[in-house]
Every structure is written in structure tokens, then in C-alpha cells.
Amino acid sequence: MYCPSCGQASLAHTDIKAFHCEHCQFTYFHNTASAVLAVICCGDEVLVAERGRDPGKDMLDFPGGFVDYDESLEQALCRELQEELGFQPTDMRYIGSAPNTYNYRDIKYKTCDAFFLITLDSKPKMQANDDVAAIRWVKRNDISPSEFAFDSARNALKLLGID
């Protein structure tokens, strides 16, 4: 691999997340990425999204995505919900986090996914956009964790007593 500092083909994997350049002594750390998920509830229903892209295309997920540079978790969630659903929450509550592995084009990205609960009194107008193929409201008792693409979403369900 090529070193991002000197450009030489001398970058070697030294441990689970570090790469070291034999030429210029630069060390690159491939750290965990942050991601956010929204568990949106209205009465006894939960909003689920069908993934429109790999990884996990056609499987279920919660709306959300990766945190961009210079964003807080809350800002990232608001941006992602606007991009994916055309929806802006007025209130959200952090409920937990879990590690996840996001396999994309044969590269394993390690993430830490933060879960937020959004409780609504009525269902707002939302539509599937961006990388969401479809959205639907599902009764809590009808949710099947095995239909979700990622372990982190299944962990969010467990935190809410849905498993």
C-alpha cells in the first residue's frame, strides 16, 4: 500500500488498526467511524427503511448514516433524516450505541453506531430518498430482528425491548 504522507509503496499493516511506513516512519491509524440511527416510533408502530444499496440491499434498517467531519451526532442524524426521509425531528433521545461492521466493496469498516429514539404523536409526511428504497410503519410486535441488515440495528431493538 502507498503511504499517504510520502507516497512510497511502503505502508505495512502493523496491528488491527495501524499501518506504518518503513520509508518516512509515518503511522496511519484506521479508526472507527461514527454512525447514527433513528428509531422513530408512533404509538405501537416503528418506522423501518428498506435499504436501496449494498451492503444489505433490500434488507431492513433504521434511517441514519455516517457522521460527517465537524458534525455532532445530533447534527448528523438531522441531516441524514432530511436526506433520507425529508423529515426534521423536533426532539430525540439518545438510547445507546454498539459496534458494527460495515462491509462495502470488500472493505470492512468498523463503526460505532449511536441510536436515538424519536417519539411522535402523529405520523408526519415522509418519503424514501437517497439510499432508502422504501419506508413503512411496522407494529412493534411484528418486527423481525433477523430482517435487519446490521447487528447494530438488532442491538437498538434489544435496547427497546424488541427482540
C-alpha atoms as a PDB file:
ATOM      1  CA  MET A   1       0.000   0.000   0.000  1.00  0.00           C
ATOM      2  CA  TYR A   2       1.046   3.561  -0.640  1.00  0.00           C
ATOM      3  CA  CYS A   3       1.850   5.916   2.223  1.00  0.00           C
ATOM      4  CA  PRO A   4      -0.468   8.975   2.350  1.00  0.00           C
ATOM      5  CA  SER A   5       2.455  11.057   3.668  1.00  0.00           C
ATOM      6  CA  CYS A   6       5.375  10.297   1.320  1.00  0.00           C
ATOM      7  CA  GLY A   7       3.653   8.371  -1.485  1.00  0.00           C
ATOM      8  CA  GLN A   8       6.006   5.400  -1.342  1.00  0.00           C
ATOM      9  CA  ALA A   9       4.679   1.848  -1.655  1.00  0.00           C
ATOM     10  CA  SER A  10       5.908   1.100   1.850  1.00  0.00           C
ATOM     11  CA  LEU A  11       2.821   1.136   4.075  1.00  0.00           C
ATOM     12  CA  ALA A  12       2.552  -2.073   6.091  1.00  0.00           C
ATOM     13  CA  HIS A  13      -0.201  -3.285   8.398  1.00  0.00           C
ATOM     14  CA  THR A  14       1.273  -3.354  11.939  1.00  0.00           C
ATOM     15  CA  ASP A  15      -1.785  -4.153  14.066  1.00  0.00           C
ATOM     16  CA  ILE A  16      -5.564  -4.306  13.850  1.00  0.00           C
ATOM     17  CA  LYS A  17      -5.950  -0.587  13.036  1.00  0.00           C
ATOM     18  CA  ALA A  18      -2.463   0.784  12.315  1.00  0.00           C
ATOM     19  CA  PHE A  19      -0.301   0.969   9.192  1.00  0.00           C
ATOM     20  CA  HIS A  20       3.325   2.091   9.333  1.00  0.00           C
ATOM     21  CA  CYS A  21       5.528   3.481   6.557  1.00  0.00           C
ATOM     22  CA  GLU A  22       9.010   1.983   6.510  1.00  0.00           C
ATOM     23  CA  HIS A  23      10.217   4.884   4.352  1.00  0.00           C
ATOM     24  CA  CYS A  24       9.158   8.030   6.283  1.00  0.00           C
ATOM     25  CA  GLN A  25       8.061   6.452   9.600  1.00  0.00           C
ATOM     26  CA  PHE A  26       4.506   7.812   9.248  1.00  0.00           C
ATOM     27  CA  THR A  27       1.820   5.808  11.078  1.00  0.00           C
ATOM     28  CA  TYR A  28      -1.725   5.823   9.728  1.00  0.00           C
ATOM     29  CA  PHE A  29      -4.498   4.806  12.119  1.00  0.00           C
ATOM     30  CA  HIS A  30      -7.681   3.469  10.524  1.00  0.00           C
ATOM     31  CA  ASN A  31     -10.036   4.409  13.361  1.00  0.00           C
ATOM     32  CA  THR A  32     -13.656   3.553  13.921  1.00  0.00           C
ATOM     33  CA  ALA A  33     -16.195   5.692  12.042  1.00  0.00           C
ATOM     34  CA  SER A  34     -19.217   7.159  13.806  1.00  0.00           C
ATOM     35  CA  ALA A  35     -22.735   6.494  12.552  1.00  0.00           C
ATOM     36  CA  VAL A  36     -26.231   7.351  13.778  1.00  0.00           C
ATOM     37  CA  LEU A  37     -29.606   5.573  13.625  1.00  0.00           C
ATOM     38  CA  ALA A  38     -33.105   6.850  14.361  1.00  0.00           C
ATOM     39  CA  VAL A  39     -35.714   4.568  15.888  1.00  0.00           C
ATOM     40  CA  ILE A  40     -38.869   6.527  15.076  1.00  0.00           C
ATOM     41  CA  CYS A  41     -41.984   5.427  16.965  1.00  0.00           C
ATOM     42  CA  CYS A  42     -45.602   6.497  16.704  1.00  0.00           C
ATOM     43  CA  GLY A  43     -47.986   4.673  19.042  1.00  0.00           C
ATOM     44  CA  ASP A  44     -47.231   0.958  18.755  1.00  0.00           C
ATOM     45  CA  GLU A  45     -45.523   1.303  15.351  1.00  0.00           C
ATOM     46  CA  VAL A  46     -41.883   1.746  14.358  1.00  0.00           C
ATOM     47  CA  LEU A  47     -40.637   3.213  11.078  1.00  0.00           C
ATOM     48  CA  VAL A  48     -38.332   0.858   9.184  1.00  0.00           C
ATOM     49  CA  ALA A  49     -36.417   1.535   6.000  1.00  0.00           C
ATOM     50  CA  GLU A  50     -35.635  -0.860   3.180  1.00  0.00           C
ATOM     51  CA  ARG A  51     -32.033  -0.430   2.086  1.00  0.00           C
ATOM     52  CA  GLY A  52     -31.639   0.608  -1.540  1.00  0.00           C
ATOM     53  CA  ARG A  53     -27.918  -0.150  -1.754  1.00  0.00           C
ATOM     54  CA  ASP A  54     -25.358  -2.645  -0.588  1.00  0.00           C
ATOM     55  CA  PRO A  55     -24.368  -3.596   1.944  1.00  0.00           C
ATOM     56  CA  GLY A  56     -27.643  -5.183   2.937  1.00  0.00           C
ATOM     57  CA  LYS A  57     -29.613  -4.114  -0.147  1.00  0.00           C
ATOM     58  CA  ASP A  58     -33.336  -4.981   0.225  1.00  0.00           C
ATOM     59  CA  MET A  59     -32.949  -5.693   3.946  1.00  0.00           C
ATOM     60  CA  LEU A  60     -34.339  -3.542   6.741  1.00  0.00           C
ATOM     61  CA  ASP A  61     -32.539  -0.813   8.618  1.00  0.00           C
ATOM     62  CA  PHE A  62     -33.296   2.300  10.608  1.00  0.00           C
ATOM     63  CA  PRO A  63     -32.840   5.685   8.940  1.00  0.00           C
ATOM     64  CA  GLY A  64     -29.422   7.204   9.537  1.00  0.00           C
ATOM     65  CA  GLY A  65     -25.880   7.093   8.314  1.00  0.00           C
ATOM     66  CA  PHE A  66     -22.301   8.185   8.803  1.00  0.00           C
ATOM     67  CA  VAL A  67     -21.294  11.272  10.747  1.00  0.00           C
ATOM     68  CA  ASP A  68     -19.514  13.848   8.565  1.00  0.00           C
ATOM     69  CA  TYR A  69     -16.487  15.871   9.601  1.00  0.00           C
ATOM     70  CA  ASP A  70     -17.254  18.651  12.085  1.00  0.00           C
ATOM     71  CA  GLU A  71     -20.743  17.304  12.889  1.00  0.00           C
ATOM     72  CA  SER A  72     -22.163  16.278  16.236  1.00  0.00           C
ATOM     73  CA  LEU A  73     -24.149  13.046  16.415  1.00  0.00           C
ATOM     74  CA  GLU A  74     -27.367  15.068  16.634  1.00  0.00           C
ATOM     75  CA  GLN A  75     -26.479  17.228  13.633  1.00  0.00           C
ATOM     76  CA  ALA A  76     -25.614  14.125  11.620  1.00  0.00           C
ATOM     77  CA  LEU A  77     -28.919  12.480  12.497  1.00  0.00           C
ATOM     78  CA  CYS A  78     -30.907  15.577  11.499  1.00  0.00           C
ATOM     79  CA  ARG A  79     -29.012  15.782   8.186  1.00  0.00           C
ATOM     80  CA  GLU A  80     -29.464  12.077   7.463  1.00  0.00           C
ATOM     81  CA  LEU A  81     -33.196  12.163   8.261  1.00  0.00           C
ATOM     82  CA  GLN A  82     -33.622  15.152   5.946  1.00  0.00           C
ATOM     83  CA  GLU A  83     -31.693  13.396   3.151  1.00  0.00           C
ATOM     84  CA  GLU A  84     -33.396  10.013   3.538  1.00  0.00           C
ATOM     85  CA  LEU A  85     -36.946  10.933   4.598  1.00  0.00           C
ATOM     86  CA  GLY A  86     -37.444  14.670   4.068  1.00  0.00           C
ATOM     87  CA  PHE A  87     -38.082  14.825   7.824  1.00  0.00           C
ATOM     88  CA  GLN A  88     -36.679  17.015  10.593  1.00  0.00           C
ATOM     89  CA  PRO A  89     -37.191  15.810  14.173  1.00  0.00           C
ATOM     90  CA  THR A  90     -38.052  18.269  16.910  1.00  0.00           C
ATOM     91  CA  ASP A  91     -36.891  16.026  19.734  1.00  0.00           C
ATOM     92  CA  MET A  92     -34.631  12.998  20.001  1.00  0.00           C
ATOM     93  CA  ARG A  93     -33.303  10.974  22.914  1.00  0.00           C
ATOM     94  CA  TYR A  94     -30.036   9.061  22.927  1.00  0.00           C
ATOM     95  CA  ILE A  95     -30.660   5.418  23.870  1.00  0.00           C
ATOM     96  CA  GLY A  96     -27.277   3.739  23.388  1.00  0.00           C
ATOM     97  CA  SER A  97     -24.606   2.599  20.990  1.00  0.00           C
ATOM     98  CA  ALA A  98     -22.987  -0.560  19.671  1.00  0.00           C
ATOM     99  CA  PRO A  99     -20.039  -1.540  17.491  1.00  0.00           C
ATOM    100  CA  ASN A 100     -20.806  -2.618  13.951  1.00  0.00           C
ATOM    101  CA  THR A 101     -19.018  -3.883  10.847  1.00  0.00           C
ATOM    102  CA  TYR A 102     -19.982  -2.267   7.563  1.00  0.00           C
ATOM    103  CA  ASN A 103     -18.736  -4.336   4.613  1.00  0.00           C
ATOM    104  CA  TYR A 104     -18.571  -2.217   1.478  1.00  0.00           C
ATOM    105  CA  ARG A 105     -16.884  -3.417  -1.706  1.00  0.00           C
ATOM    106  CA  ASP A 106     -14.755  -5.974   0.130  1.00  0.00           C
ATOM    107  CA  ILE A 107     -13.555  -3.439   2.708  1.00  0.00           C
ATOM    108  CA  LYS A 108     -14.568  -3.857   6.349  1.00  0.00           C
ATOM    109  CA  TYR A 109     -15.330  -0.541   8.003  1.00  0.00           C
ATOM    110  CA  LYS A 110     -15.595  -0.697  11.768  1.00  0.00           C
ATOM    111  CA  THR A 111     -18.210   1.713  13.085  1.00  0.00           C
ATOM    112  CA  CYS A 112     -19.689   2.776  16.384  1.00  0.00           C
ATOM    113  CA  ASP A 113     -23.407   3.292  15.811  1.00  0.00           C
ATOM    114  CA  ALA A 114     -25.310   5.648  18.129  1.00  0.00           C
ATOM    115  CA  PHE A 115     -29.057   5.096  18.485  1.00  0.00           C
ATOM    116  CA  PHE A 116     -31.626   7.824  19.039  1.00  0.00           C
ATOM    117  CA  LEU A 117     -35.315   7.409  19.854  1.00  0.00           C
ATOM    118  CA  ILE A 118     -37.797   9.785  18.264  1.00  0.00           C
ATOM    119  CA  THR A 119     -41.348   9.508  19.609  1.00  0.00           C
ATOM    120  CA  LEU A 120     -44.118  11.080  17.539  1.00  0.00           C
ATOM    121  CA  ASP A 121     -47.761  11.829  18.391  1.00  0.00           C
ATOM    122  CA  SER A 122     -48.766  11.574  14.738  1.00  0.00           C
ATOM    123  CA  LYS A 123     -47.122  10.355  11.552  1.00  0.00           C
ATOM    124  CA  PRO A 124     -45.617  13.186   9.508  1.00  0.00           C
ATOM    125  CA  LYS A 125     -45.318  13.118   5.754  1.00  0.00           C
ATOM    126  CA  MET A 126     -42.115  11.267   4.855  1.00  0.00           C
ATOM    127  CA  GLN A 127     -40.786   9.718   1.674  1.00  0.00           C
ATOM    128  CA  ALA A 128     -37.922   7.385   0.847  1.00  0.00           C
ATOM    129  CA  ASN A 129     -34.981   9.287  -0.666  1.00  0.00           C
ATOM    130  CA  ASP A 130     -31.235   8.900  -1.105  1.00  0.00           C
ATOM    131  CA  ASP A 131     -30.209   5.300  -0.339  1.00  0.00           C
ATOM    132  CA  VAL A 132     -33.577   4.273   1.141  1.00  0.00           C
ATOM    133  CA  ALA A 133     -35.679   2.221  -1.284  1.00  0.00           C
ATOM    134  CA  ALA A 134     -38.894   2.263   0.782  1.00  0.00           C
ATOM    135  CA  ILE A 135     -40.211   3.056   4.246  1.00  0.00           C
ATOM    136  CA  ARG A 136     -43.044   1.520   6.196  1.00  0.00           C
ATOM    137  CA  TRP A 137     -44.572   1.546   9.647  1.00  0.00           C
ATOM    138  CA  VAL A 138     -44.488  -1.816  11.418  1.00  0.00           C
ATOM    139  CA  LYS A 139     -46.213  -2.795  14.657  1.00  0.00           C
ATOM    140  CA  ARG A 140     -43.625  -3.408  17.392  1.00  0.00           C
ATOM    141  CA  ASN A 141     -44.843  -6.999  17.839  1.00  0.00           C
ATOM    142  CA  ASP A 142     -44.432  -7.707  14.110  1.00  0.00           C
ATOM    143  CA  ILE A 143     -40.793  -6.628  13.871  1.00  0.00           C
ATOM    144  CA  SER A 144     -38.416  -9.454  12.999  1.00  0.00           C
ATOM    145  CA  PRO A 145     -34.819  -8.599  14.006  1.00  0.00           C
ATOM    146  CA  SER A 146     -33.470 -11.174  11.525  1.00  0.00           C
ATOM    147  CA  GLU A 147     -34.768  -8.989   8.652  1.00  0.00           C
ATOM    148  CA  PHE A 148     -32.368  -6.177   9.614  1.00  0.00           C
ATOM    149  CA  ALA A 149     -29.105  -5.800   7.710  1.00  0.00           C
ATOM    150  CA  PHE A 150     -26.855  -4.922  10.646  1.00  0.00           C
ATOM    151  CA  ASP A 151     -26.130  -6.169  14.138  1.00  0.00           C
ATOM    152  CA  SER A 152     -26.242  -2.600  15.427  1.00  0.00           C
ATOM    153  CA  ALA A 153     -29.917  -2.244  14.412  1.00  0.00           C
ATOM    154  CA  ARG A 154     -30.678  -5.522  16.193  1.00  0.00           C
ATOM    155  CA  ASN A 155     -28.903  -4.115  19.261  1.00  0.00           C
ATOM    156  CA  ALA A 156     -31.067  -0.973  19.114  1.00  0.00           C
ATOM    157  CA  LEU A 157     -34.144  -3.236  19.046  1.00  0.00           C
ATOM    158  CA  LYS A 158     -32.884  -5.060  22.146  1.00  0.00           C
ATOM    159  CA  LEU A 159     -32.401  -1.756  23.981  1.00  0.00           C
ATOM    160  CA  LEU A 160     -36.066  -1.013  23.273  1.00  0.00           C
ATOM    161  CA  GLY A 161     -37.197  -4.486  24.354  1.00  0.00           C
ATOM    162  CA  ILE A 162     -37.988  -5.592  20.795  1.00  0.00           C
ATOM    163  CA  ASP A 163     -36.230  -8.893  20.169  1.00  0.00           C
END
